[in-house]
Amino acid sequence: MPVLGIGGIFFRAHDPEALSTWYREHLGVGAGCAAADTGPPDEWSWKVQGGPVVFAPFETGTDYWSTDKQFMLNLRVSDLTG
């Protein structure tokens, strides 16, 4: 099951909306951004030349992943069931 790339980068932030806006406006990173020749941007992912990536700050108190961890990294693989 080789890793093909990063599927998502998630991290905690005191103001996720403001931080997302800053990354998008100043760095062209995050939901709504798309690299050249990757198609139109969409509201959920950051389209990089290697494929779409989710780059998303979450509320500090999120229970989407373990509260003792600051980050969550999702990897894209070729055969998840394998």
N, C-alpha and C. Protein backbone atom coordinates (compact mmCIF):
# COMPACT_ATOMS: atom_id res chain seq x y z
N MET A 1 0.84 -1.18 0.00
CA MET A 1 0.00 0.00 0.00
C MET A 1 0.89 1.25 0.00
N PRO A 2 1.53 1.56 -1.11
CA PRO A 2 2.38 2.75 -1.12
C PRO A 2 1.58 4.04 -0.98
N VAL A 3 2.19 5.00 -0.30
CA VAL A 3 1.57 6.32 -0.13
C VAL A 3 1.74 7.10 -1.44
N LEU A 4 0.65 7.67 -1.93
CA LEU A 4 0.66 8.45 -3.16
C LEU A 4 0.83 9.94 -2.90
N GLY A 5 0.47 10.38 -1.72
CA GLY A 5 0.57 11.80 -1.39
C GLY A 5 -0.20 12.11 -0.13
N ILE A 6 -0.26 13.39 0.15
CA ILE A 6 -1.00 13.87 1.33
C ILE A 6 -2.44 14.12 0.94
N GLY A 7 -3.36 13.60 1.71
CA GLY A 7 -4.78 13.81 1.45
C GLY A 7 -5.36 14.95 2.27
N GLY A 8 -4.75 15.23 3.42
CA GLY A 8 -5.28 16.30 4.25
C GLY A 8 -4.33 16.66 5.37
N ILE A 9 -4.30 17.95 5.69
CA ILE A 9 -3.53 18.48 6.82
C ILE A 9 -4.53 19.25 7.69
N PHE A 10 -4.68 18.82 8.92
CA PHE A 10 -5.66 19.41 9.82
C PHE A 10 -4.94 19.84 11.10
N PHE A 11 -5.28 20.99 11.64
CA PHE A 11 -4.63 21.47 12.86
C PHE A 11 -5.58 22.37 13.61
N ARG A 12 -5.33 22.50 14.89
CA ARG A 12 -6.19 23.30 15.77
C ARG A 12 -5.81 24.78 15.67
N ALA A 13 -6.79 25.66 15.78
CA ALA A 13 -6.55 27.11 15.73
C ALA A 13 -7.61 27.82 16.57
N HIS A 14 -7.24 28.93 17.18
CA HIS A 14 -8.19 29.70 17.98
C HIS A 14 -9.27 30.34 17.11
N ASP A 15 -8.92 30.71 15.86
CA ASP A 15 -9.88 31.30 14.93
C ASP A 15 -9.65 30.68 13.55
N PRO A 16 -10.17 29.47 13.31
CA PRO A 16 -9.92 28.75 12.08
C PRO A 16 -10.33 29.51 10.82
N GLU A 17 -11.44 30.21 10.88
CA GLU A 17 -11.92 30.93 9.70
C GLU A 17 -10.94 32.05 9.31
N ALA A 18 -10.50 32.82 10.28
CA ALA A 18 -9.55 33.91 10.00
C ALA A 18 -8.22 33.35 9.51
N LEU A 19 -7.76 32.27 10.11
CA LEU A 19 -6.49 31.68 9.70
C LEU A 19 -6.59 31.10 8.29
N SER A 20 -7.69 30.45 7.98
CA SER A 20 -7.91 29.93 6.62
C SER A 20 -7.88 31.06 5.60
N THR A 21 -8.55 32.14 5.93
CA THR A 21 -8.57 33.31 5.03
C THR A 21 -7.17 33.85 4.82
N TRP A 22 -6.38 33.95 5.89
CA TRP A 22 -5.02 34.47 5.76
C TRP A 22 -4.18 33.57 4.86
N TYR A 23 -4.20 32.27 5.09
CA TYR A 23 -3.43 31.33 4.24
C TYR A 23 -3.86 31.44 2.78
N ARG A 24 -5.17 31.50 2.55
CA ARG A 24 -5.70 31.58 1.18
C ARG A 24 -5.27 32.88 0.50
N GLU A 25 -5.43 34.01 1.18
CA GLU A 25 -5.15 35.31 0.57
C GLU A 25 -3.65 35.59 0.40
N HIS A 26 -2.84 35.17 1.35
CA HIS A 26 -1.42 35.52 1.32
C HIS A 26 -0.53 34.44 0.70
N LEU A 27 -0.94 33.18 0.79
CA LEU A 27 -0.09 32.09 0.31
C LEU A 27 -0.73 31.25 -0.79
N GLY A 28 -2.02 31.46 -1.05
CA GLY A 28 -2.69 30.63 -2.06
C GLY A 28 -2.81 29.18 -1.62
N VAL A 29 -2.98 28.97 -0.31
CA VAL A 29 -3.03 27.63 0.29
C VAL A 29 -4.40 27.42 0.92
N GLY A 30 -4.96 26.25 0.73
CA GLY A 30 -6.19 25.88 1.42
C GLY A 30 -7.38 25.77 0.48
N ALA A 31 -8.53 25.51 1.08
CA ALA A 31 -9.77 25.34 0.32
C ALA A 31 -10.01 26.55 -0.58
N GLY A 32 -10.39 26.28 -1.81
CA GLY A 32 -10.66 27.35 -2.75
C GLY A 32 -9.45 27.76 -3.58
N CYS A 33 -8.31 27.12 -3.36
CA CYS A 33 -7.09 27.43 -4.12
C CYS A 33 -6.79 26.28 -5.08
N ALA A 34 -6.24 26.62 -6.24
CA ALA A 34 -5.90 25.58 -7.22
C ALA A 34 -4.65 25.99 -8.00
N ALA A 35 -3.70 25.08 -8.09
CA ALA A 35 -2.49 25.30 -8.88
C ALA A 35 -2.85 25.28 -10.36
N ALA A 36 -1.97 25.84 -11.17
CA ALA A 36 -2.19 25.85 -12.63
C ALA A 36 -2.41 24.43 -13.14
N ASP A 37 -3.32 24.30 -14.10
CA ASP A 37 -3.61 23.02 -14.77
C ASP A 37 -4.18 21.95 -13.85
N THR A 38 -4.86 22.34 -12.75
CA THR A 38 -5.49 21.36 -11.87
C THR A 38 -7.01 21.46 -11.88
N GLY A 39 -7.54 22.32 -12.74
CA GLY A 39 -8.99 22.49 -12.81
C GLY A 39 -9.44 23.62 -11.91
N PRO A 40 -10.74 23.87 -11.91
CA PRO A 40 -11.26 24.98 -11.11
C PRO A 40 -11.18 24.68 -9.61
N PRO A 41 -10.99 25.71 -8.78
CA PRO A 41 -10.96 25.48 -7.33
C PRO A 41 -12.33 25.03 -6.83
N ASP A 42 -12.32 24.32 -5.70
CA ASP A 42 -13.59 23.97 -5.06
C ASP A 42 -13.53 24.41 -3.60
N GLU A 43 -14.67 24.39 -2.93
CA GLU A 43 -14.77 24.95 -1.59
C GLU A 43 -14.14 24.08 -0.50
N TRP A 44 -13.78 22.83 -0.80
CA TRP A 44 -13.30 21.92 0.25
C TRP A 44 -11.81 21.64 0.20
N SER A 45 -11.20 21.70 -0.99
CA SER A 45 -9.81 21.26 -1.07
C SER A 45 -8.90 22.27 -1.75
N TRP A 46 -7.63 22.07 -1.58
CA TRP A 46 -6.57 22.85 -2.20
C TRP A 46 -6.01 21.96 -3.29
N LYS A 47 -6.21 22.32 -4.53
CA LYS A 47 -5.77 21.48 -5.65
C LYS A 47 -4.31 21.80 -5.97
N VAL A 48 -3.45 20.84 -5.63
CA VAL A 48 -2.03 20.97 -5.94
C VAL A 48 -1.74 20.10 -7.15
N GLN A 49 -0.59 20.25 -7.77
CA GLN A 49 -0.32 19.50 -8.98
C GLN A 49 -0.27 17.99 -8.75
N GLY A 50 -0.02 17.55 -7.52
CA GLY A 50 -0.02 16.13 -7.22
C GLY A 50 -1.41 15.59 -6.89
N GLY A 51 -2.44 16.41 -6.88
CA GLY A 51 -3.80 16.00 -6.54
C GLY A 51 -4.35 16.90 -5.45
N PRO A 52 -5.66 16.82 -5.17
CA PRO A 52 -6.27 17.70 -4.18
C PRO A 52 -5.80 17.37 -2.76
N VAL A 53 -5.65 18.41 -1.95
CA VAL A 53 -5.25 18.28 -0.55
C VAL A 53 -6.20 19.13 0.29
N VAL A 54 -6.66 18.58 1.40
CA VAL A 54 -7.45 19.36 2.34
C VAL A 54 -6.48 19.98 3.34
N PHE A 55 -6.54 21.29 3.51
CA PHE A 55 -5.68 22.04 4.44
C PHE A 55 -6.64 22.83 5.30
N ALA A 56 -6.88 22.37 6.54
CA ALA A 56 -7.99 22.94 7.30
C ALA A 56 -7.69 23.11 8.78
N PRO A 57 -7.68 24.36 9.26
CA PRO A 57 -7.65 24.56 10.70
C PRO A 57 -9.02 24.25 11.29
N PHE A 58 -9.01 23.71 12.50
CA PHE A 58 -10.23 23.37 13.22
C PHE A 58 -10.27 24.18 14.51
N GLU A 59 -11.44 24.31 15.11
CA GLU A 59 -11.57 24.94 16.41
C GLU A 59 -10.66 24.23 17.41
N THR A 60 -10.12 24.97 18.35
CA THR A 60 -9.19 24.42 19.33
C THR A 60 -9.78 23.22 20.07
N GLY A 61 -11.06 23.25 20.39
CA GLY A 61 -11.70 22.18 21.15
C GLY A 61 -12.34 21.08 20.32
N THR A 62 -11.99 20.96 19.04
CA THR A 62 -12.62 19.95 18.19
C THR A 62 -12.46 18.54 18.77
N ASP A 63 -13.46 17.70 18.54
CA ASP A 63 -13.34 16.29 18.93
C ASP A 63 -13.20 15.40 17.69
N TYR A 64 -12.86 16.01 16.56
CA TYR A 64 -12.69 15.26 15.31
C TYR A 64 -11.52 14.30 15.40
N TRP A 65 -10.50 14.63 16.21
CA TRP A 65 -9.40 13.72 16.51
C TRP A 65 -9.01 13.90 17.97
N SER A 66 -8.14 13.06 18.47
CA SER A 66 -7.76 13.01 19.87
C SER A 66 -7.37 14.39 20.42
N THR A 67 -7.92 14.75 21.57
CA THR A 67 -7.70 16.07 22.15
C THR A 67 -6.26 16.30 22.61
N ASP A 68 -5.47 15.25 22.76
CA ASP A 68 -4.08 15.43 23.18
C ASP A 68 -3.14 15.61 21.98
N LYS A 69 -3.68 15.68 20.77
CA LYS A 69 -2.89 15.88 19.54
C LYS A 69 -3.26 17.22 18.91
N GLN A 70 -2.27 17.92 18.38
CA GLN A 70 -2.50 19.22 17.75
C GLN A 70 -2.76 19.11 16.25
N PHE A 71 -2.24 18.08 15.60
CA PHE A 71 -2.35 17.93 14.15
C PHE A 71 -2.92 16.57 13.79
N MET A 72 -3.48 16.47 12.59
CA MET A 72 -3.87 15.20 12.01
C MET A 72 -3.43 15.24 10.55
N LEU A 73 -2.78 14.20 10.08
CA LEU A 73 -2.31 14.11 8.71
C LEU A 73 -2.94 12.89 8.06
N ASN A 74 -3.65 13.10 6.95
CA ASN A 74 -4.23 12.00 6.19
C ASN A 74 -3.36 11.76 4.96
N LEU A 75 -3.09 10.49 4.67
CA LEU A 75 -2.28 10.13 3.51
C LEU A 75 -3.15 9.47 2.46
N ARG A 76 -2.86 9.74 1.18
CA ARG A 76 -3.52 9.07 0.07
C ARG A 76 -2.72 7.83 -0.27
N VAL A 77 -3.39 6.68 -0.37
CA VAL A 77 -2.70 5.42 -0.66
C VAL A 77 -3.33 4.77 -1.88
N SER A 78 -2.61 3.83 -2.48
CA SER A 78 -3.09 3.21 -3.71
C SER A 78 -4.07 2.06 -3.44
N ASP A 79 -4.00 1.41 -2.27
CA ASP A 79 -4.85 0.26 -1.99
C ASP A 79 -5.18 0.22 -0.50
N LEU A 80 -6.16 1.02 -0.08
CA LEU A 80 -6.50 1.14 1.33
C LEU A 80 -6.92 -0.19 1.94
N THR A 81 -7.70 -0.97 1.23
CA THR A 81 -8.16 -2.24 1.78
C THR A 81 -7.00 -3.24 1.91
N GLY A 82 -5.97 -3.10 1.10
CA GLY A 82 -4.79 -3.98 1.18
C GLY A 82 -4.00 -3.67 2.41
